């Protein structure tokens, strides 16, 4: 989730002020620290990255999620 900051800064090269780069790194590190302290309230489970009504088909046996290219099982 947070690994993209360094890649983005590397690609930006000299186009970004060093003070701005330091600010972005500080914000990233602060967010990572806060996220590490979070306690999940739900167990790991299915996550559908595009759970829109058009991706739920109702069958006689109940609803079925389709379009699973952005599906994963992780913290909810």
C-alpha atoms as a PDB file:
ATOM      1  CA  UNK A   1       0.000   0.000   0.000  1.00  0.00           C
ATOM      2  CA  UNK A   2       2.694   2.469   0.913  1.00  0.00           C
ATOM      3  CA  UNK A   3       5.540   1.146  -1.207  1.00  0.00           C
ATOM      4  CA  UNK A   4       4.613   3.339  -4.153  1.00  0.00           C
ATOM      5  CA  UNK A   5       5.878   6.528  -2.510  1.00  0.00           C
ATOM      6  CA  UNK A   6       9.554   5.748  -3.082  1.00  0.00           C
ATOM      7  CA  UNK A   7       8.918   4.639  -6.642  1.00  0.00           C
ATOM      8  CA  UNK A   8       6.982   7.824  -7.369  1.00  0.00           C
ATOM      9  CA  UNK A   9       9.722   9.985  -5.814  1.00  0.00           C
ATOM     10  CA  UNK A  10      12.393   8.155  -7.793  1.00  0.00           C
ATOM     11  CA  UNK A  11      10.470   8.680 -11.033  1.00  0.00           C
ATOM     12  CA  UNK A  12       9.914  12.358 -10.191  1.00  0.00           C
ATOM     13  CA  UNK A  13      13.659  12.862  -9.890  1.00  0.00           C
ATOM     14  CA  UNK A  14      14.628  16.526  -9.650  1.00  0.00           C
ATOM     15  CA  UNK A  15      11.072  17.646 -10.418  1.00  0.00           C
ATOM     16  CA  UNK A  16      10.155  17.438  -6.730  1.00  0.00           C
ATOM     17  CA  UNK A  17      11.608  19.670  -4.047  1.00  0.00           C
ATOM     18  CA  UNK A  18      13.595  17.720  -1.416  1.00  0.00           C
ATOM     19  CA  UNK A  19      11.497  19.306   1.350  1.00  0.00           C
ATOM     20  CA  UNK A  20       8.321  18.052  -0.348  1.00  0.00           C
ATOM     21  CA  UNK A  21       9.819  14.577  -0.684  1.00  0.00           C
ATOM     22  CA  UNK A  22      10.699  14.597   3.018  1.00  0.00           C
ATOM     23  CA  UNK A  23       7.141  15.687   3.855  1.00  0.00           C
ATOM     24  CA  UNK A  24       5.673  12.829   1.803  1.00  0.00           C
ATOM     25  CA  UNK A  25       7.960  10.324   3.505  1.00  0.00           C
ATOM     26  CA  UNK A  26       6.990  11.654   6.945  1.00  0.00           C
ATOM     27  CA  UNK A  27       3.298  11.375   6.088  1.00  0.00           C
ATOM     28  CA  UNK A  28       3.823   7.836   4.756  1.00  0.00           C
ATOM     29  CA  UNK A  29       5.698   6.776   7.876  1.00  0.00           C
ATOM     30  CA  UNK A  30       3.083   8.338  10.154  1.00  0.00           C
ATOM     31  CA  UNK A  31       0.301   6.555   8.317  1.00  0.00           C
ATOM     32  CA  UNK A  32       2.180   3.240   8.441  1.00  0.00           C
ATOM     33  CA  UNK A  33       2.669   3.639  12.186  1.00  0.00           C
ATOM     34  CA  UNK A  34      -1.008   4.449  12.766  1.00  0.00           C
ATOM     35  CA  UNK A  35      -2.150   1.568  10.550  1.00  0.00           C
ATOM     36  CA  UNK A  36       0.088  -0.877  12.439  1.00  0.00           C
ATOM     37  CA  UNK A  37      -1.712   0.020  15.687  1.00  0.00           C
ATOM     38  CA  UNK A  38      -5.178  -0.731  14.316  1.00  0.00           C
ATOM     39  CA  UNK A  39      -6.990  -3.784  15.639  1.00  0.00           C
ATOM     40  CA  UNK A  40      -9.304  -5.484  13.136  1.00  0.00           C
ATOM     41  CA  UNK A  41     -12.882  -5.959  14.331  1.00  0.00           C
ATOM     42  CA  UNK A  42     -13.663  -8.604  11.741  1.00  0.00           C
ATOM     43  CA  UNK A  43     -11.756 -11.757  10.797  1.00  0.00           C
ATOM     44  CA  UNK A  44     -10.117 -12.110   7.422  1.00  0.00           C
ATOM     45  CA  UNK A  45     -12.691 -12.698   4.745  1.00  0.00           C
ATOM     46  CA  UNK A  46     -13.716 -12.079   1.159  1.00  0.00           C
ATOM     47  CA  UNK A  47     -13.191  -8.628  -0.311  1.00  0.00           C
ATOM     48  CA  UNK A  48     -14.735  -7.784  -3.657  1.00  0.00           C
ATOM     49  CA  UNK A  49     -13.023  -4.781  -5.211  1.00  0.00           C
ATOM     50  CA  UNK A  50     -16.015  -3.935  -7.401  1.00  0.00           C
ATOM     51  CA  UNK A  51     -19.118  -4.963  -5.418  1.00  0.00           C
ATOM     52  CA  UNK A  52     -21.705  -3.117  -7.452  1.00  0.00           C
ATOM     53  CA  UNK A  53     -25.280  -4.324  -8.023  1.00  0.00           C
ATOM     54  CA  UNK A  54     -24.382  -5.370 -11.565  1.00  0.00           C
ATOM     55  CA  UNK A  55     -21.795  -7.780 -10.116  1.00  0.00           C
ATOM     56  CA  UNK A  56     -24.323  -9.608  -7.923  1.00  0.00           C
ATOM     57  CA  UNK A  57     -26.474 -12.221  -9.642  1.00  0.00           C
ATOM     58  CA  UNK A  58     -29.466 -13.438  -7.685  1.00  0.00           C
ATOM     59  CA  UNK A  59     -30.058 -17.155  -8.176  1.00  0.00           C
ATOM     60  CA  UNK A  60     -32.665 -19.494  -6.659  1.00  0.00           C
ATOM     61  CA  UNK A  61     -29.958 -20.498  -4.153  1.00  0.00           C
ATOM     62  CA  UNK A  62     -29.132 -16.904  -3.201  1.00  0.00           C
ATOM     63  CA  UNK A  63     -26.861 -14.093  -4.375  1.00  0.00           C
ATOM     64  CA  UNK A  64     -23.610 -14.868  -6.208  1.00  0.00           C
ATOM     65  CA  UNK A  65     -20.758 -12.405  -6.704  1.00  0.00           C
ATOM     66  CA  UNK A  66     -19.274 -12.281 -10.196  1.00  0.00           C
ATOM     67  CA  UNK A  67     -16.477 -10.242 -11.822  1.00  0.00           C
ATOM     68  CA  UNK A  68     -13.797 -11.522  -9.468  1.00  0.00           C
ATOM     69  CA  UNK A  69     -10.679 -10.010 -11.045  1.00  0.00           C
ATOM     70  CA  UNK A  70     -10.291  -7.650  -8.058  1.00  0.00           C
ATOM     71  CA  UNK A  71     -11.350 -10.200  -5.428  1.00  0.00           C
ATOM     72  CA  UNK A  72      -9.141 -11.164  -2.495  1.00  0.00           C
ATOM     73  CA  UNK A  73      -9.335 -12.591   1.001  1.00  0.00           C
ATOM     74  CA  UNK A  74      -7.836 -10.309   3.640  1.00  0.00           C
ATOM     75  CA  UNK A  75      -8.682  -8.018   6.535  1.00  0.00           C
ATOM     76  CA  UNK A  76     -12.073  -6.370   6.181  1.00  0.00           C
END
